[in-house]
Protein backbone atom coordinates (compact mmCIF):
# COMPACT_ATOMS: atom_id res chain seq x y z
CA UNK A 1 23.14 20.56 -3.29
CA UNK A 2 24.30 23.77 -4.90
CA UNK A 3 23.15 22.74 -8.43
CA UNK A 4 19.48 23.29 -7.59
CA UNK A 5 20.15 27.05 -7.73
CA UNK A 6 20.87 26.64 -11.45
CA UNK A 7 17.94 24.32 -11.98
CA UNK A 8 15.72 27.27 -10.93
CA UNK A 9 16.61 29.01 -14.12
CA UNK A 10 14.72 26.46 -16.20
CA UNK A 11 11.42 28.25 -16.09
CA UNK A 12 9.78 25.88 -18.51
CA UNK A 13 9.95 22.82 -16.18
CA UNK A 14 6.66 21.15 -15.49
CA UNK A 15 8.17 18.09 -13.73
CA UNK A 16 11.15 17.87 -11.36
CA UNK A 17 12.64 14.79 -9.64
CA UNK A 18 15.45 15.34 -7.12
CA UNK A 19 15.10 12.32 -4.85
CA UNK A 20 17.74 11.24 -2.32
CA UNK A 21 19.97 14.26 -2.60
CA UNK A 22 20.96 16.57 0.24
CA UNK A 23 18.53 19.34 -0.30
CA UNK A 24 17.67 21.61 2.61
CA UNK A 25 15.33 24.47 3.00
CA UNK A 26 17.36 26.78 0.79
CA UNK A 27 17.11 24.30 -2.06
CA UNK A 28 13.30 24.37 -1.62
CA UNK A 29 13.57 28.16 -1.86
CA UNK A 30 15.22 27.89 -5.30
CA UNK A 31 12.65 25.38 -6.44
CA UNK A 32 9.82 27.62 -5.43
CA UNK A 33 10.81 29.90 -8.30
CA UNK A 34 9.62 27.25 -10.80
CA UNK A 35 5.98 28.43 -10.90
CA UNK A 36 5.19 26.10 -13.84
CA UNK A 37 5.76 22.91 -11.93
CA UNK A 38 3.00 20.30 -11.96
CA UNK A 39 4.97 17.37 -10.56
CA UNK A 40 7.62 17.53 -7.84
CA UNK A 41 9.49 14.66 -6.10
CA UNK A 42 11.93 15.56 -3.38
CA UNK A 43 11.83 12.18 -1.54
CA UNK A 44 14.55 11.63 0.99
CA UNK A 45 15.96 15.10 1.42
CA UNK A 46 16.07 17.43 4.44
CA UNK A 47 13.83 20.34 3.52
CA UNK A 48 11.89 20.37 6.80
CA UNK A 49 9.28 22.83 7.91
CA UNK A 50 11.03 25.93 6.40
CA UNK A 51 11.24 24.11 3.00
CA UNK A 52 7.53 23.27 3.20
CA UNK A 53 6.80 26.93 3.61
CA UNK A 54 8.77 27.76 0.54
CA UNK A 55 7.04 25.00 -1.55
CA UNK A 56 3.57 26.24 -0.41
CA UNK A 57 3.78 28.98 -3.13
CA UNK A 58 3.79 26.45 -5.90
CA UNK A 59 0.10 26.70 -6.42
CA UNK A 60 0.20 24.83 -9.88
CA UNK A 61 1.43 21.68 -8.31
CA UNK A 62 -0.76 18.59 -8.93
CA UNK A 63 1.60 15.75 -7.71
CA UNK A 64 4.00 16.20 -4.66
CA UNK A 65 6.20 13.49 -3.17
CA UNK A 66 8.08 14.36 0.05
CA UNK A 67 8.71 11.13 1.95
CA UNK A 68 11.38 11.35 4.68
CA UNK A 69 11.74 15.13 4.83
CA UNK A 70 11.09 15.92 8.50
CA UNK A 71 7.82 17.72 7.86
CA UNK A 72 6.03 17.09 11.07
CA UNK A 73 2.57 18.65 11.59
CA UNK A 74 3.93 22.19 11.17
CA UNK A 75 5.25 21.51 7.72
CA UNK A 76 2.01 19.90 6.67
CA UNK A 77 0.20 23.10 7.78
CA UNK A 78 2.09 24.93 4.97
CA UNK A 79 1.47 22.24 2.41
CA UNK A 80 -2.24 22.33 3.04
CA UNK A 81 -2.24 25.58 1.06
CA UNK A 82 -1.58 23.61 -2.13
CA UNK A 83 -5.28 23.20 -2.99
CA UNK A 84 -4.54 22.01 -6.55
CA UNK A 85 -2.95 18.70 -5.41
CA UNK A 86 -4.45 15.47 -6.61
CA UNK A 87 -1.57 13.18 -5.39
CA UNK A 88 0.48 13.46 -2.25
CA UNK A 89 3.05 11.30 -0.64
CA UNK A 90 4.25 12.17 2.87
CA UNK A 91 5.54 8.78 4.17
CA UNK A 92 7.88 8.87 7.23
CA UNK A 93 7.39 12.49 8.15
CA UNK A 94 6.51 12.21 11.83
CA UNK A 95 2.95 13.40 11.08
CA UNK A 96 0.35 13.17 13.94
CA UNK A 97 -3.24 13.99 14.52
CA UNK A 98 -2.89 17.71 13.76
CA UNK A 99 -1.18 17.01 10.55
CA UNK A 100 -3.98 14.70 9.41
CA UNK A 101 -6.44 17.56 10.10
CA UNK A 102 -4.43 19.82 7.87
CA UNK A 103 -4.25 17.19 5.03
CA UNK A 104 -8.02 16.85 5.26
CA UNK A 105 -8.33 20.42 3.81
CA UNK A 106 -6.96 19.16 0.43
CA UNK A 107 -10.26 18.08 -0.96
CA UNK A 108 -8.93 17.57 -4.48
CA UNK A 109 -6.76 14.59 -3.48
CA UNK A 110 -7.25 11.37 -5.37
CA UNK A 111 -4.06 9.56 -4.24
CA UNK A 112 -2.59 9.83 -0.67
CA UNK A 113 0.24 7.95 0.98
CA UNK A 114 0.80 8.57 4.63
CA UNK A 115 2.45 5.34 5.82
CA UNK A 116 4.90 5.22 8.70
CA UNK A 117 3.52 8.17 10.53
CA UNK A 118 1.66 8.41 13.88
CA UNK A 119 -1.93 9.37 13.08
CA UNK A 120 -3.80 6.64 14.89
CA UNK A 121 -7.60 6.35 14.85
CA UNK A 122 -8.16 10.02 15.30
CA UNK A 123 -5.97 10.91 12.32
CA UNK A 124 -7.97 8.29 10.33
CA UNK A 125 -11.13 10.24 11.20
CA UNK A 126 -9.66 13.39 9.61
CA UNK A 127 -8.54 11.56 6.50
CA UNK A 128 -12.08 10.05 6.08
CA UNK A 129 -13.27 13.51 5.08
CA UNK A 130 -11.36 13.24 1.80
CA UNK A 131 -14.28 11.80 -0.10
CA UNK A 132 -12.53 12.05 -3.56
CA UNK A 133 -9.74 9.64 -2.59
CA UNK A 134 -9.21 6.60 -4.94
CA UNK A 135 -5.99 5.30 -3.44
CA UNK A 136 -4.87 5.52 0.13
CA UNK A 137 -1.98 4.06 2.38
CA UNK A 138 -2.21 4.49 6.09
CA UNK A 139 0.22 1.61 6.71
CA UNK A 140 2.08 1.61 10.09
CA UNK A 141 0.13 4.42 11.71
CA UNK A 142 -0.90 2.89 15.11
CA UNK A 143 -4.41 2.43 13.86
CA UNK A 144 -6.92 -0.04 15.16
CA UNK A 145 -10.38 -1.22 14.24
CA UNK A 146 -11.93 2.20 15.07
CA UNK A 147 -9.65 3.75 12.47
CA UNK A 148 -10.79 1.19 9.89
CA UNK A 149 -14.46 2.10 10.64
CA UNK A 150 -13.60 5.75 9.77
CA UNK A 151 -11.80 4.77 6.53
CA UNK A 152 -14.86 2.68 5.47
CA UNK A 153 -16.56 6.04 4.82
CA UNK A 154 -14.40 6.47 1.77
CA UNK A 155 -16.60 4.66 -0.66
CA UNK A 156 -14.67 5.70 -3.74
CA UNK A 157 -11.47 3.93 -2.81
CA UNK A 158 -10.05 1.42 -5.34
CA UNK A 159 -6.63 0.86 -3.58
CA UNK A 160 -6.13 0.70 0.23
CA UNK A 161 -3.21 -0.26 2.48
CA UNK A 162 -3.72 -0.49 6.22
CA UNK A 163 -0.78 -2.90 6.73
CA UNK A 164 1.32 -2.87 9.91
CA UNK A 165 -1.36 -1.58 12.23
CA UNK A 166 -3.39 -3.07 15.09
CA UNK A 167 -6.48 -4.32 13.49
CA UNK A 168 -8.37 -7.45 14.56
CA UNK A 169 -11.30 -9.11 12.88
CA UNK A 170 -13.58 -6.03 13.44
CA UNK A 171 -11.34 -3.98 11.01
CA UNK A 172 -12.12 -6.14 7.95
CA UNK A 173 -15.77 -6.00 8.91
CA UNK A 174 -15.73 -2.28 8.37
CA UNK A 175 -13.46 -2.52 5.31
CA UNK A 176 -15.87 -4.89 3.65
CA UNK A 177 -18.20 -1.86 3.06
CA UNK A 178 -15.71 -0.66 0.47
CA UNK A 179 -17.11 -2.71 -2.35
CA UNK A 180 -15.11 -0.80 -5.11
CA UNK A 181 -11.80 -2.07 -3.75
CA UNK A 182 -9.47 -3.65 -6.33
CA UNK A 183 -6.25 -3.68 -4.29
CA UNK A 184 -6.15 -4.22 -0.51
CA UNK A 185 -3.18 -4.78 1.86
CA UNK A 186 -3.91 -5.79 5.45
CA UNK A 187 -0.54 -7.47 6.18
CA UNK A 188 0.84 -7.50 9.66
CA UNK A 189 -2.22 -7.03 11.70
CA UNK A 190 -4.16 -9.50 13.87
CA UNK A 191 -6.79 -10.68 11.50
CA UNK A 192 -8.12 -14.32 11.86
CA UNK A 193 -10.62 -16.56 10.12
CA UNK A 194 -13.63 -14.30 11.04
CA UNK A 195 -11.89 -11.30 9.41
CA UNK A 196 -11.26 -13.41 6.37
CA UNK A 197 -15.00 -14.02 5.96
CA UNK A 198 -15.67 -10.27 5.75
CA UNK A 199 -12.90 -9.84 3.20
CA UNK A 200 -14.44 -12.53 1.00
CA UNK A 201 -17.32 -10.20 0.27
CA UNK A 202 -15.04 -7.90 -1.75
CA UNK A 203 -15.70 -9.48 -5.04
CA UNK A 204 -13.78 -6.89 -7.13
CA UNK A 205 -10.46 -7.60 -5.48
CA UNK A 206 -7.59 -8.50 -7.90
CA UNK A 207 -4.71 -8.01 -5.38
CA UNK A 208 -4.86 -8.98 -1.76
CA UNK A 209 -2.15 -8.93 0.90
CA UNK A 210 -2.69 -10.72 4.23
CA UNK A 211 0.76 -11.70 5.20
CA UNK A 212 1.56 -12.26 8.86
CA UNK A 213 -1.92 -12.48 10.35
CA UNK A 214 -3.61 -15.28 12.17
CA UNK A 215 -5.57 -16.89 9.29
CA UNK A 216 -6.05 -20.56 9.22
CA UNK A 217 -7.67 -23.18 7.02
CA UNK A 218 -11.16 -21.85 7.66
CA UNK A 219 -9.99 -18.41 6.67
CA UNK A 220 -8.44 -19.86 3.47
CA UNK A 221 -11.89 -21.39 2.69
CA UNK A 222 -13.39 -17.87 2.76
CA UNK A 223 -10.50 -16.40 0.66
CA UNK A 224 -11.03 -19.06 -1.95
CA UNK A 225 -14.38 -17.41 -2.79
CA UNK A 226 -12.58 -14.55 -4.39
CA UNK A 227 -12.45 -16.35 -7.73
CA UNK A 228 -11.28 -13.25 -9.66
CA UNK A 229 -8.17 -12.56 -7.64
CA UNK A 230 -4.79 -12.45 -9.57
CA UNK A 231 -2.26 -11.64 -6.76
CA UNK A 232 -2.47 -13.18 -3.27
CA UNK A 233 -0.04 -13.07 -0.32
CA UNK A 234 -1.04 -15.38 2.59
CA UNK A 235 2.48 -15.89 3.84
CA UNK A 236 3.25 -16.48 7.50
CA UNK A 237 -0.24 -17.34 8.67
CA UNK A 238 -1.52 -20.61 9.95
CA UNK A 239 -2.58 -22.52 6.86
CA UNK A 240 -2.16 -26.33 6.54
CA UNK A 241 -2.84 -28.76 3.80
CA UNK A 242 -6.51 -28.13 3.98
CA UNK A 243 -6.08 -24.39 3.48
CA UNK A 244 -3.72 -25.00 0.57
CA UNK A 245 -6.39 -27.09 -1.06
CA UNK A 246 -8.90 -24.29 -0.81
CA UNK A 247 -6.40 -21.81 -2.30
CA UNK A 248 -5.60 -24.18 -5.24
CA UNK A 249 -9.20 -23.49 -6.45
CA UNK A 250 -8.27 -19.92 -7.29
CA UNK A 251 -7.57 -20.77 -11.02
CA UNK A 252 -6.97 -17.17 -12.07
CA UNK A 253 -4.04 -16.55 -9.59
CA UNK A 254 -0.83 -15.37 -11.31
CA UNK A 255 1.15 -14.54 -8.15
CA UNK A 256 0.87 -16.48 -4.98
CA UNK A 257 2.92 -16.51 -1.72
CA UNK A 258 2.20 -19.16 0.90
CA UNK A 259 5.59 -19.12 2.61
CA UNK A 260 5.78 -19.70 6.34
CA UNK A 261 2.72 -21.95 6.46
CA UNK A 262 2.43 -25.69 7.21
CA UNK A 263 1.93 -27.03 3.64
CA UNK A 264 3.20 -30.47 2.84
CA UNK A 265 4.07 -32.41 -0.33
CA UNK A 266 0.63 -33.44 -1.44
CA UNK A 267 -0.94 -30.13 -1.35
CA UNK A 268 2.10 -28.39 -2.89
CA UNK A 269 1.29 -30.53 -5.92
CA UNK A 270 -2.31 -29.31 -5.83
CA UNK A 271 -1.09 -25.72 -6.01
CA UNK A 272 1.07 -26.60 -9.07
CA UNK A 273 -2.13 -27.55 -10.91
CA UNK A 274 -2.97 -23.80 -10.93
CA UNK A 275 -2.21 -23.14 -14.53
CA UNK A 276 -2.32 -19.35 -14.42
CA UNK A 277 0.53 -19.14 -11.86
CA UNK A 278 3.71 -17.48 -13.02
CA UNK A 279 5.22 -16.63 -9.64
CA UNK A 280 5.05 -18.92 -6.60
CA UNK A 281 6.63 -18.63 -3.13
CA UNK A 282 6.63 -21.56 -0.80
CA UNK A 283 9.58 -20.64 1.55
CA UNK A 284 9.74 -22.14 5.03
CA UNK A 285 7.05 -24.75 4.51
CA UNK A 286 6.84 -28.51 5.26
CA UNK A 287 7.74 -29.52 1.68
CA UNK A 288 10.41 -32.29 1.61
CA UNK A 289 13.12 -32.91 -1.04
CA UNK A 290 10.63 -35.18 -2.86
CA UNK A 291 8.08 -32.35 -2.91
CA UNK A 292 10.65 -29.98 -4.27
CA UNK A 293 11.52 -32.55 -7.05
CA UNK A 294 7.83 -32.48 -8.07
CA UNK A 295 8.10 -28.62 -8.18
CA UNK A 296 11.18 -28.78 -10.34
CA UNK A 297 9.61 -31.32 -12.79
CA UNK A 298 6.95 -28.78 -13.83
CA UNK A 299 9.04 -25.60 -13.24
CA UNK A 300 8.62 -24.70 -16.92
CA UNK A 301 5.17 -23.36 -16.05
CA UNK A 302 6.58 -20.95 -13.46
CA UNK A 303 8.91 -18.03 -14.10
CA UNK A 304 11.65 -16.73 -11.86
CA UNK A 305 10.81 -13.28 -13.06
CA UNK A 306 7.29 -11.90 -13.34
CA UNK A 307 6.13 -9.81 -16.19
CA UNK A 308 5.50 -6.05 -16.24
CA UNK A 309 1.75 -6.25 -15.44
CA UNK A 310 2.27 -8.46 -12.47
CA UNK A 311 5.21 -6.34 -11.32
CA UNK A 312 2.86 -3.36 -11.31
CA UNK A 313 0.46 -5.17 -9.14
CA UNK A 314 3.12 -6.20 -6.70
CA UNK A 315 4.34 -2.61 -6.53
CA UNK A 316 0.84 -1.43 -5.68
CA UNK A 317 0.43 -4.04 -3.05
CA UNK A 318 3.75 -3.52 -1.21
CA UNK A 319 4.62 0.14 -1.86
CA UNK A 320 1.49 2.40 -2.35
């Protein structure tokens, strides 16, 4: 992208967004001349380790987004010099344990996204040293229950995603120590009813993702204790009609996904008594054509399109 050479003349820039171009290391070199930058997003480029070295001179940066840029641990070593960072996104950068150690030097971080890397439990131990974190994603990082135990040291967390890892019921036991959590995504793990019991102690939760685990009706009973929750995804678990009945007691729910469970007509009707619902998904259930007719008869209370506030909640849950 030759144009970035000309962009470097704009010395008054404080924010620059050049996502999904074809920037390489030399592009990063031109950008490094913009010493007034506070916010920089180069997601989906090819700047690599050499580009990270160029960017490390931008000591004024506060927010840096570099997903899918082939950083690796060596690139993160350079980025760890940016001690003013408060928000960092390094998704899909082949970062391992050594990279996690480098990131742990950035003690000013409040928001950190490291999903789709390879940090494992040992990497989680390093990240747990960032006691100022308020939002963290370690989704898809080959992490198990031990990693969750390390993350439970981050008592200031409000938003956490540990989706697509290898946690069982012990993981939620550790996570339940994070009593300030408002948003939690533990989708695609191996959490069952016992894990749900631990999650039910997180009384401040407004958004909860538990898709594709092993939660049954008993687990739904525990989840139903979270009476303040607004967004809930229990799709592709093992809920039946009894579980749906428990969930229908959550009268503040605005967004609910129970797809891929064994919910029949009668309890679909119970769910439709939830007056706060504006977005409901019941794909791949046991609802017959008669059940769907009942759904359609009151479809005026549901919207095909959720509003901006709920959209924001969904974006937090599924893409931290």
